[in-house]
Amino acid sequence: MLIELMANIGLSMVSFLRGMPNEERIKRNIVLLSTTEWFNQIYSNNKDLFMTDEDLRYIVGWAKVKKILKNENNTDKFRKKILEMVNTKNIYS
């Protein structure tokens, strides 16, 4: 619980300093991620969350998706990060 709180504070600080990615970049990254089966499963069950949650949109928007998808280890880390965030948001909603 404390770790999640610290992570959320850190994410909020970074998003404040860096700003939100633009809508075009978020949509482009969602399209690129949609080429993977794992993302389609998460996205189809949580589409509303991907459209409204600022933290999730921030992570998807600023990710270097092409680079992530080229490396299996990076893809797995990113998948886990998205799953953790989606699960956390679903628990608290």
PDB file of N, CA and C in Angstrom:
ATOM      1  N   MET A   1       0.820  -1.185   0.000  1.00  0.00           N
ATOM      2  CA  MET A   1       0.000   0.000   0.000  1.00  0.00           C
ATOM      3  C   MET A   1       0.866   1.252   0.000  1.00  0.00           C
ATOM      4  N   LEU A   2       1.894   1.279   0.827  1.00  0.00           N
ATOM      5  CA  LEU A   2       2.787   2.426   0.887  1.00  0.00           C
ATOM      6  C   LEU A   2       3.542   2.589  -0.430  1.00  0.00           C
ATOM      7  N   ILE A   3       3.948   1.474  -0.997  1.00  0.00           N
ATOM      8  CA  ILE A   3       4.671   1.525  -2.272  1.00  0.00           C
ATOM      9  C   ILE A   3       3.765   2.094  -3.363  1.00  0.00           C
ATOM     10  N   GLU A   4       2.504   1.677  -3.398  1.00  0.00           N
ATOM     11  CA  GLU A   4       1.565   2.194  -4.387  1.00  0.00           C
ATOM     12  C   GLU A   4       1.354   3.684  -4.208  1.00  0.00           C
ATOM     13  N   LEU A   5       1.259   4.132  -2.957  1.00  0.00           N
ATOM     14  CA  LEU A   5       1.087   5.550  -2.672  1.00  0.00           C
ATOM     15  C   LEU A   5       2.285   6.346  -3.167  1.00  0.00           C
ATOM     16  N   MET A   6       3.483   5.861  -2.876  1.00  0.00           N
ATOM     17  CA  MET A   6       4.704   6.540  -3.325  1.00  0.00           C
ATOM     18  C   MET A   6       4.797   6.546  -4.848  1.00  0.00           C
ATOM     19  N   ALA A   7       4.412   5.443  -5.480  1.00  0.00           N
ATOM     20  CA  ALA A   7       4.436   5.369  -6.943  1.00  0.00           C
ATOM     21  C   ALA A   7       3.461   6.370  -7.538  1.00  0.00           C
ATOM     22  N   ASN A   8       2.280   6.488  -6.956  1.00  0.00           N
ATOM     23  CA  ASN A   8       1.294   7.449  -7.452  1.00  0.00           C
ATOM     24  C   ASN A   8       1.763   8.883  -7.278  1.00  0.00           C
ATOM     25  N   ILE A   9       2.397   9.184  -6.151  1.00  0.00           N
ATOM     26  CA  ILE A   9       2.943  10.523  -5.931  1.00  0.00           C
ATOM     27  C   ILE A   9       4.038  10.817  -6.948  1.00  0.00           C
ATOM     28  N   GLY A  10       4.923   9.849  -7.159  1.00  0.00           N
ATOM     29  CA  GLY A  10       5.997  10.016  -8.138  1.00  0.00           C
ATOM     30  C   GLY A  10       5.454  10.215  -9.544  1.00  0.00           C
ATOM     31  N   LEU A  11       4.457   9.422  -9.914  1.00  0.00           N
ATOM     32  CA  LEU A  11       3.852   9.542 -11.242  1.00  0.00           C
ATOM     33  C   LEU A  11       3.187  10.901 -11.405  1.00  0.00           C
ATOM     34  N   SER A  12       2.532  11.370 -10.366  1.00  0.00           N
ATOM     35  CA  SER A  12       1.878  12.678 -10.422  1.00  0.00           C
ATOM     36  C   SER A  12       2.900  13.792 -10.606  1.00  0.00           C
ATOM     37  N   MET A  13       4.029  13.698  -9.912  1.00  0.00           N
ATOM     38  CA  MET A  13       5.069  14.717 -10.038  1.00  0.00           C
ATOM     39  C   MET A  13       5.657  14.712 -11.441  1.00  0.00           C
ATOM     40  N   VAL A  14       5.921  13.551 -11.966  1.00  0.00           N
ATOM     41  CA  VAL A  14       6.490  13.449 -13.305  1.00  0.00           C
ATOM     42  C   VAL A  14       5.500  13.962 -14.339  1.00  0.00           C
ATOM     43  N   SER A  15       4.237  13.588 -14.213  1.00  0.00           N
ATOM     44  CA  SER A  15       3.252  14.030 -15.190  1.00  0.00           C
ATOM     45  C   SER A  15       3.062  15.540 -15.111  1.00  0.00           C
ATOM     46  N   PHE A  16       3.175  16.122 -13.917  1.00  0.00           N
ATOM     47  CA  PHE A  16       3.068  17.568 -13.776  1.00  0.00           C
ATOM     48  C   PHE A  16       4.224  18.258 -14.488  1.00  0.00           C
ATOM     49  N   LEU A  17       5.428  17.743 -14.318  1.00  0.00           N
ATOM     50  CA  LEU A  17       6.607  18.357 -14.920  1.00  0.00           C
ATOM     51  C   LEU A  17       6.668  18.142 -16.427  1.00  0.00           C
ATOM     52  N   ARG A  18       6.309  16.970 -16.871  1.00  0.00           N
ATOM     53  CA  ARG A  18       6.428  16.623 -18.289  1.00  0.00           C
ATOM     54  C   ARG A  18       5.198  17.008 -19.081  1.00  0.00           C
ATOM     55  N   GLY A  19       4.054  17.061 -18.441  1.00  0.00           N
ATOM     56  CA  GLY A  19       2.812  17.356 -19.134  1.00  0.00           C
ATOM     57  C   GLY A  19       2.213  16.096 -19.726  1.00  0.00           C
ATOM     58  N   MET A  20       0.981  16.188 -20.084  1.00  0.00           N
ATOM     59  CA  MET A  20       0.291  15.038 -20.669  1.00  0.00           C
ATOM     60  C   MET A  20       0.651  14.910 -22.146  1.00  0.00           C
ATOM     61  N   PRO A  21       0.761  13.668 -22.633  1.00  0.00           N
ATOM     62  CA  PRO A  21       0.975  13.483 -24.071  1.00  0.00           C
ATOM     63  C   PRO A  21      -0.290  13.914 -24.808  1.00  0.00           C
ATOM     64  N   ASN A  22      -0.107  14.304 -26.068  1.00  0.00           N
ATOM     65  CA  ASN A  22      -1.286  14.737 -26.812  1.00  0.00           C
ATOM     66  C   ASN A  22      -2.137  13.547 -27.242  1.00  0.00           C
ATOM     67  N   GLU A  23      -3.366  13.838 -27.583  1.00  0.00           N
ATOM     68  CA  GLU A  23      -4.351  12.806 -27.923  1.00  0.00           C
ATOM     69  C   GLU A  23      -3.888  11.957 -29.112  1.00  0.00           C
ATOM     70  N   GLU A  24      -3.258  12.584 -30.070  1.00  0.00           N
ATOM     71  CA  GLU A  24      -2.782  11.864 -31.261  1.00  0.00           C
ATOM     72  C   GLU A  24      -1.754  10.804 -30.888  1.00  0.00           C
ATOM     73  N   ARG A  25      -0.840  11.159 -30.008  1.00  0.00           N
ATOM     74  CA  ARG A  25       0.201  10.206 -29.588  1.00  0.00           C
ATOM     75  C   ARG A  25      -0.412   9.036 -28.811  1.00  0.00           C
ATOM     76  N   ILE A  26      -1.360   9.321 -27.944  1.00  0.00           N
ATOM     77  CA  ILE A  26      -2.016   8.257 -27.175  1.00  0.00           C
ATOM     78  C   ILE A  26      -2.723   7.293 -28.118  1.00  0.00           C
ATOM     79  N   LYS A  27      -3.485   7.832 -29.067  1.00  0.00           N
ATOM     80  CA  LYS A  27      -4.213   6.984 -30.019  1.00  0.00           C
ATOM     81  C   LYS A  27      -3.253   6.168 -30.877  1.00  0.00           C
ATOM     82  N   ARG A  28      -2.163   6.789 -31.323  1.00  0.00           N
ATOM     83  CA  ARG A  28      -1.178   6.080 -32.148  1.00  0.00           C
ATOM     84  C   ARG A  28      -0.564   4.918 -31.370  1.00  0.00           C
ATOM     85  N   ASN A  29      -0.247   5.154 -30.097  1.00  0.00           N
ATOM     86  CA  ASN A  29       0.339   4.092 -29.283  1.00  0.00           C
ATOM     87  C   ASN A  29      -0.663   2.972 -29.010  1.00  0.00           C
ATOM     88  N   ILE A  30      -1.926   3.324 -28.830  1.00  0.00           N
ATOM     89  CA  ILE A  30      -2.946   2.289 -28.643  1.00  0.00           C
ATOM     90  C   ILE A  30      -3.068   1.439 -29.899  1.00  0.00           C
ATOM     91  N   VAL A  31      -3.012   2.066 -31.066  1.00  0.00           N
ATOM     92  CA  VAL A  31      -3.072   1.318 -32.323  1.00  0.00           C
ATOM     93  C   VAL A  31      -1.871   0.379 -32.439  1.00  0.00           C
ATOM     94  N   LEU A  32      -0.675   0.867 -32.117  1.00  0.00           N
ATOM     95  CA  LEU A  32       0.524   0.016 -32.176  1.00  0.00           C
ATOM     96  C   LEU A  32       0.427  -1.142 -31.184  1.00  0.00           C
ATOM     97  N   LEU A  33      -0.034  -0.849 -29.981  1.00  0.00           N
ATOM     98  CA  LEU A  33      -0.172  -1.904 -28.975  1.00  0.00           C
ATOM     99  C   LEU A  33      -1.253  -2.910 -29.353  1.00  0.00           C
ATOM    100  N   SER A  34      -2.230  -2.469 -30.122  1.00  0.00           N
ATOM    101  CA  SER A  34      -3.324  -3.359 -30.536  1.00  0.00           C
ATOM    102  C   SER A  34      -2.867  -4.471 -31.469  1.00  0.00           C
ATOM    103  N   THR A  35      -1.642  -4.395 -31.922  1.00  0.00           N
ATOM    104  CA  THR A  35      -1.115  -5.469 -32.767  1.00  0.00           C
ATOM    105  C   THR A  35      -0.711  -6.681 -31.935  1.00  0.00           C
ATOM    106  N   THR A  36      -0.760  -6.531 -30.604  1.00  0.00           N
ATOM    107  CA  THR A  36      -0.398  -7.638 -29.724  1.00  0.00           C
ATOM    108  C   THR A  36      -1.654  -8.231 -29.090  1.00  0.00           C
ATOM    109  N   GLU A  37      -1.629  -9.526 -28.890  1.00  0.00           N
ATOM    110  CA  GLU A  37      -2.771 -10.224 -28.307  1.00  0.00           C
ATOM    111  C   GLU A  37      -2.992  -9.822 -26.850  1.00  0.00           C
ATOM    112  N   TRP A  38      -1.897  -9.707 -26.086  1.00  0.00           N
ATOM    113  CA  TRP A  38      -2.029  -9.376 -24.667  1.00  0.00           C
ATOM    114  C   TRP A  38      -2.703  -8.023 -24.462  1.00  0.00           C
ATOM    115  N   PHE A  39      -2.342  -7.035 -25.295  1.00  0.00           N
ATOM    116  CA  PHE A  39      -2.944  -5.709 -25.127  1.00  0.00           C
ATOM    117  C   PHE A  39      -4.415  -5.731 -25.523  1.00  0.00           C
ATOM    118  N   ASN A  40      -4.737  -6.437 -26.576  1.00  0.00           N
ATOM    119  CA  ASN A  40      -6.140  -6.516 -27.002  1.00  0.00           C
ATOM    120  C   ASN A  40      -7.026  -7.088 -25.906  1.00  0.00           C
ATOM    121  N   GLN A  41      -6.535  -8.079 -25.187  1.00  0.00           N
ATOM    122  CA  GLN A  41      -7.311  -8.668 -24.086  1.00  0.00           C
ATOM    123  C   GLN A  41      -7.538  -7.648 -22.974  1.00  0.00           C
ATOM    124  N   ILE A  42      -6.490  -6.924 -22.612  1.00  0.00           N
ATOM    125  CA  ILE A  42      -6.613  -5.912 -21.554  1.00  0.00           C
ATOM    126  C   ILE A  42      -7.506  -4.766 -22.026  1.00  0.00           C
ATOM    127  N   TYR A  43      -7.260  -4.309 -23.233  1.00  0.00           N
ATOM    128  CA  TYR A  43      -7.977  -3.144 -23.766  1.00  0.00           C
ATOM    129  C   TYR A  43      -9.468  -3.428 -23.949  1.00  0.00           C
ATOM    130  N   SER A  44      -9.804  -4.593 -24.454  1.00  0.00           N
ATOM    131  CA  SER A  44     -11.213  -4.908 -24.702  1.00  0.00           C
ATOM    132  C   SER A  44     -12.022  -4.953 -23.407  1.00  0.00           C
ATOM    133  N   ASN A  45     -11.393  -5.360 -22.314  1.00  0.00           N
ATOM    134  CA  ASN A  45     -12.081  -5.428 -21.021  1.00  0.00           C
ATOM    135  C   ASN A  45     -12.063  -4.108 -20.252  1.00  0.00           C
ATOM    136  N   ASN A  46     -11.215  -3.168 -20.676  1.00  0.00           N
ATOM    137  CA  ASN A  46     -11.028  -1.926 -19.921  1.00  0.00           C
ATOM    138  C   ASN A  46     -10.997  -0.690 -20.807  1.00  0.00           C
ATOM    139  N   LYS A  47     -11.713  -0.729 -21.910  1.00  0.00           N
ATOM    140  CA  LYS A  47     -11.662   0.374 -22.881  1.00  0.00           C
ATOM    141  C   LYS A  47     -12.017   1.717 -22.239  1.00  0.00           C
ATOM    142  N   ASP A  48     -13.048   1.743 -21.410  1.00  0.00           N
ATOM    143  CA  ASP A  48     -13.449   2.993 -20.757  1.00  0.00           C
ATOM    144  C   ASP A  48     -12.323   3.553 -19.890  1.00  0.00           C
ATOM    145  N   LEU A  49     -11.628   2.670 -19.205  1.00  0.00           N
ATOM    146  CA  LEU A  49     -10.516   3.094 -18.358  1.00  0.00           C
ATOM    147  C   LEU A  49      -9.392   3.714 -19.190  1.00  0.00           C
ATOM    148  N   PHE A  50      -9.097   3.119 -20.336  1.00  0.00           N
ATOM    149  CA  PHE A  50      -8.065   3.653 -21.220  1.00  0.00           C
ATOM    150  C   PHE A  50      -8.470   5.011 -21.809  1.00  0.00           C
ATOM    151  N   MET A  51      -9.756   5.263 -21.908  1.00  0.00           N
ATOM    152  CA  MET A  51     -10.237   6.523 -22.470  1.00  0.00           C
ATOM    153  C   MET A  51     -10.327   7.635 -21.429  1.00  0.00           C
ATOM    154  N   THR A  52     -10.437   7.276 -20.139  1.00  0.00           N
ATOM    155  CA  THR A  52     -10.700   8.306 -19.135  1.00  0.00           C
ATOM    156  C   THR A  52      -9.621   8.466 -18.064  1.00  0.00           C
ATOM    157  N   ASP A  53      -8.881   7.426 -17.747  1.00  0.00           N
ATOM    158  CA  ASP A  53      -7.927   7.507 -16.656  1.00  0.00           C
ATOM    159  C   ASP A  53      -6.643   8.226 -17.077  1.00  0.00           C
ATOM    160  N   GLU A  54      -6.345   9.338 -16.427  1.00  0.00           N
ATOM    161  CA  GLU A  54      -5.191  10.149 -16.806  1.00  0.00           C
ATOM    162  C   GLU A  54      -3.862   9.430 -16.596  1.00  0.00           C
ATOM    163  N   ASP A  55      -3.738   8.671 -15.511  1.00  0.00           N
ATOM    164  CA  ASP A  55      -2.476   7.971 -15.244  1.00  0.00           C
ATOM    165  C   ASP A  55      -2.198   6.907 -16.310  1.00  0.00           C
ATOM    166  N   LEU A  56      -3.210   6.157 -16.659  1.00  0.00           N
ATOM    167  CA  LEU A  56      -3.060   5.112 -17.668  1.00  0.00           C
ATOM    168  C   LEU A  56      -2.771   5.728 -19.044  1.00  0.00           C
ATOM    169  N   ARG A  57      -3.472   6.799 -19.361  1.00  0.00           N
ATOM    170  CA  ARG A  57      -3.250   7.490 -20.639  1.00  0.00           C
ATOM    171  C   ARG A  57      -1.838   8.078 -20.696  1.00  0.00           C
ATOM    172  N   TYR A  58      -1.353   8.554 -19.557  1.00  0.00           N
ATOM    173  CA  TYR A  58      -0.001   9.102 -19.491  1.00  0.00           C
ATOM    174  C   TYR A  58       1.030   8.019 -19.813  1.00  0.00           C
ATOM    175  N   ILE A  59       0.883   6.858 -19.173  1.00  0.00           N
ATOM    176  CA  ILE A  59       1.836   5.765 -19.391  1.00  0.00           C
ATOM    177  C   ILE A  59       1.808   5.300 -20.846  1.00  0.00           C
ATOM    178  N   VAL A  60       0.608   5.120 -21.385  1.00  0.00           N
ATOM    179  CA  VAL A  60       0.487   4.666 -22.774  1.00  0.00           C
ATOM    180  C   VAL A  60       0.983   5.754 -23.727  1.00  0.00           C
ATOM    181  N   GLY A  61       0.658   6.993 -23.437  1.00  0.00           N
ATOM    182  CA  GLY A  61       1.013   8.091 -24.332  1.00  0.00           C
ATOM    183  C   GLY A  61       2.498   8.366 -24.432  1.00  0.00           C
ATOM    184  N   TRP A  62       3.211   8.305 -23.306  1.00  0.00           N
ATOM    185  CA  TRP A  62       4.635   8.617 -23.330  1.00  0.00           C
ATOM    186  C   TRP A  62       5.519   7.404 -23.602  1.00  0.00           C
ATOM    187  N   ALA A  63       4.957   6.228 -23.673  1.00  0.00           N
ATOM    188  CA  ALA A  63       5.756   5.023 -23.934  1.00  0.00           C
ATOM    189  C   ALA A  63       6.317   5.051 -25.357  1.00  0.00           C
ATOM    190  N   LYS A  64       7.500   4.533 -25.498  1.00  0.00           N
ATOM    191  CA  LYS A  64       8.116   4.376 -26.819  1.00  0.00           C
ATOM    192  C   LYS A  64       7.756   2.971 -27.296  1.00  0.00           C
ATOM    193  N   VAL A  65       6.537   2.855 -27.805  1.00  0.00           N
ATOM    194  CA  VAL A  65       5.934   1.554 -28.076  1.00  0.00           C
ATOM    195  C   VAL A  65       6.722   0.750 -29.105  1.00  0.00           C
ATOM    196  N   LYS A  66       7.166   1.377 -30.171  1.00  0.00           N
ATOM    197  CA  LYS A  66       7.926   0.634 -31.193  1.00  0.00           C
ATOM    198  C   LYS A  66       9.164  -0.002 -30.573  1.00  0.00           C
ATOM    199  N   LYS A  67       9.857   0.740 -29.742  1.00  0.00           N
ATOM    200  CA  LYS A  67      11.058   0.229 -29.077  1.00  0.00           C
ATOM    201  C   LYS A  67      10.694  -0.876 -28.081  1.00  0.00           C
ATOM    202  N   ILE A  68       9.621  -0.678 -27.337  1.00  0.00           N
ATOM    203  CA  ILE A  68       9.185  -1.667 -26.350  1.00  0.00           C
ATOM    204  C   ILE A  68       8.838  -2.984 -27.024  1.00  0.00           C
ATOM    205  N   LEU A  69       8.117  -2.911 -28.143  1.00  0.00           N
ATOM    206  CA  LEU A  69       7.664  -4.126 -28.817  1.00  0.00           C
ATOM    207  C   LEU A  69       8.795  -4.877 -29.525  1.00  0.00           C
ATOM    208  N   LYS A  70       9.926  -4.236 -29.734  1.00  0.00           N
ATOM    209  CA  LYS A  70      11.065  -4.901 -30.373  1.00  0.00           C
ATOM    210  C   LYS A  70      11.802  -5.844 -29.426  1.00  0.00           C
ATOM    211  N   ASN A  71      11.613  -5.651 -28.122  1.00  0.00           N
ATOM    212  CA  ASN A  71      12.332  -6.432 -27.125  1.00  0.00           C
ATOM    213  C   ASN A  71      11.344  -7.154 -26.222  1.00  0.00           C
ATOM    214  N   GLU A  72      11.446  -8.462 -26.171  1.00  0.00           N
ATOM    215  CA  GLU A  72      10.492  -9.272 -25.396  1.00  0.00           C
ATOM    216  C   GLU A  72      10.506  -8.921 -23.910  1.00  0.00           C
ATOM    217  N   ASN A  73      11.679  -8.663 -23.366  1.00  0.00           N
ATOM    218  CA  ASN A  73      11.798  -8.319 -21.950  1.00  0.00           C
ATOM    219  C   ASN A  73      11.112  -6.970 -21.666  1.00  0.00           C
ATOM    220  N   ASN A  74      11.350  -5.989 -22.520  1.00  0.00           N
ATOM    221  CA  ASN A  74      10.710  -4.680 -22.358  1.00  0.00           C
ATOM    222  C   ASN A  74       9.196  -4.792 -22.529  1.00  0.00           C
ATOM    223  N   THR A  75       8.762  -5.616 -23.462  1.00  0.00           N
ATOM    224  CA  THR A  75       7.332  -5.819 -23.677  1.00  0.00           C
ATOM    225  C   THR A  75       6.693  -6.420 -22.438  1.00  0.00           C
ATOM    226  N   ASP A  76       7.367  -7.396 -21.843  1.00  0.00           N
ATOM    227  CA  ASP A  76       6.832  -8.039 -20.644  1.00  0.00           C
ATOM    228  C   ASP A  76       6.747  -7.049 -19.473  1.00  0.00           C
ATOM    229  N   LYS A  77       7.766  -6.220 -19.300  1.00  0.00           N
ATOM    230  CA  LYS A  77       7.755  -5.208 -18.239  1.00  0.00           C
ATOM    231  C   LYS A  77       6.612  -4.216 -18.447  1.00  0.00           C
ATOM    232  N   PHE A  78       6.433  -3.775 -19.687  1.00  0.00           N
ATOM    233  CA  PHE A  78       5.380  -2.813 -19.988  1.00  0.00           C
ATOM    234  C   PHE A  78       3.998  -3.443 -19.791  1.00  0.00           C
ATOM    235  N   ARG A  79       3.851  -4.701 -20.199  1.00  0.00           N
ATOM    236  CA  ARG A  79       2.592  -5.418 -20.005  1.00  0.00           C
ATOM    237  C   ARG A  79       2.259  -5.496 -18.515  1.00  0.00           C
ATOM    238  N   LYS A  80       3.246  -5.832 -17.702  1.00  0.00           N
ATOM    239  CA  LYS A  80       3.039  -5.933 -16.256  1.00  0.00           C
ATOM    240  C   LYS A  80       2.670  -4.569 -15.663  1.00  0.00           C
ATOM    241  N   LYS A  81       3.300  -3.518 -16.143  1.00  0.00           N
ATOM    242  CA  LYS A  81       3.008  -2.172 -15.648  1.00  0.00           C
ATOM    243  C   LYS A  81       1.565  -1.784 -15.957  1.00  0.00           C
ATOM    244  N   ILE A  82       1.128  -2.060 -17.176  1.00  0.00           N
ATOM    245  CA  ILE A  82      -0.249  -1.742 -17.561  1.00  0.00           C
ATOM    246  C   ILE A  82      -1.233  -2.590 -16.767  1.00  0.00           C
ATOM    247  N   LEU A  83      -0.959  -3.882 -16.651  1.00  0.00           N
ATOM    248  CA  LEU A  83      -1.841  -4.764 -15.876  1.00  0.00           C
ATOM    249  C   LEU A  83      -1.952  -4.323 -14.418  1.00  0.00           C
ATOM    250  N   GLU A  84      -0.830  -3.965 -13.824  1.00  0.00           N
ATOM    251  CA  GLU A  84      -0.834  -3.517 -12.433  1.00  0.00           C
ATOM    252  C   GLU A  84      -1.682  -2.253 -12.278  1.00  0.00           C
ATOM    253  N   MET A  85      -1.528  -1.331 -13.194  1.00  0.00           N
ATOM    254  CA  MET A  85      -2.283  -0.085 -13.110  1.00  0.00           C
ATOM    255  C   MET A  85      -3.777  -0.344 -13.325  1.00  0.00           C
ATOM    256  N   VAL A  86      -4.121  -1.159 -14.308  1.00  0.00           N
ATOM    257  CA  VAL A  86      -5.523  -1.479 -14.575  1.00  0.00           C
ATOM    258  C   VAL A  86      -6.139  -2.184 -13.377  1.00  0.00           C
ATOM    259  N   ASN A  87      -5.436  -3.157 -12.827  1.00  0.00           N
ATOM    260  CA  ASN A  87      -5.955  -3.883 -11.666  1.00  0.00           C
ATOM    261  C   ASN A  87      -6.137  -2.967 -10.458  1.00  0.00           C
ATOM    262  N   THR A  88      -5.184  -2.073 -10.244  1.00  0.00           N
ATOM    263  CA  THR A  88      -5.289  -1.121  -9.137  1.00  0.00           C
ATOM    264  C   THR A  88      -6.487  -0.208  -9.331  1.00  0.00           C
ATOM    265  N   LYS A  89      -6.674   0.283 -10.529  1.00  0.00           N
ATOM    266  CA  LYS A  89      -7.793   1.189 -10.803  1.00  0.00           C
ATOM    267  C   LYS A  89      -9.117   0.455 -10.644  1.00  0.00           C
ATOM    268  N   ASN A  90      -9.177  -0.806 -11.066  1.00  0.00           N
ATOM    269  CA  ASN A  90     -10.419  -1.581 -10.956  1.00  0.00           C
ATOM    270  C   ASN A  90     -10.744  -1.909  -9.498  1.00  0.00           C
ATOM    271  N   ILE A  91      -9.740  -2.099  -8.672  1.00  0.00           N
ATOM    272  CA  ILE A  91      -9.969  -2.389  -7.253  1.00  0.00           C
ATOM    273  C   ILE A  91     -10.575  -1.179  -6.553  1.00  0.00           C
ATOM    274  N   TYR A  92     -10.072   0.001  -6.865  1.00  0.00           N
ATOM    275  CA  TYR A  92     -10.500   1.204  -6.170  1.00  0.00           C
ATOM    276  C   TYR A  92     -11.703   1.881  -6.785  1.00  0.00           C
ATOM    277  N   SER A  93     -12.222   1.330  -7.864  1.00  0.00           N
ATOM    278  CA  SER A  93     -13.403   1.975  -8.474  1.00  0.00           C
ATOM    279  C   SER A  93     -14.686   1.275  -8.144  1.00  0.00           C
TER     280      SER A  93
END
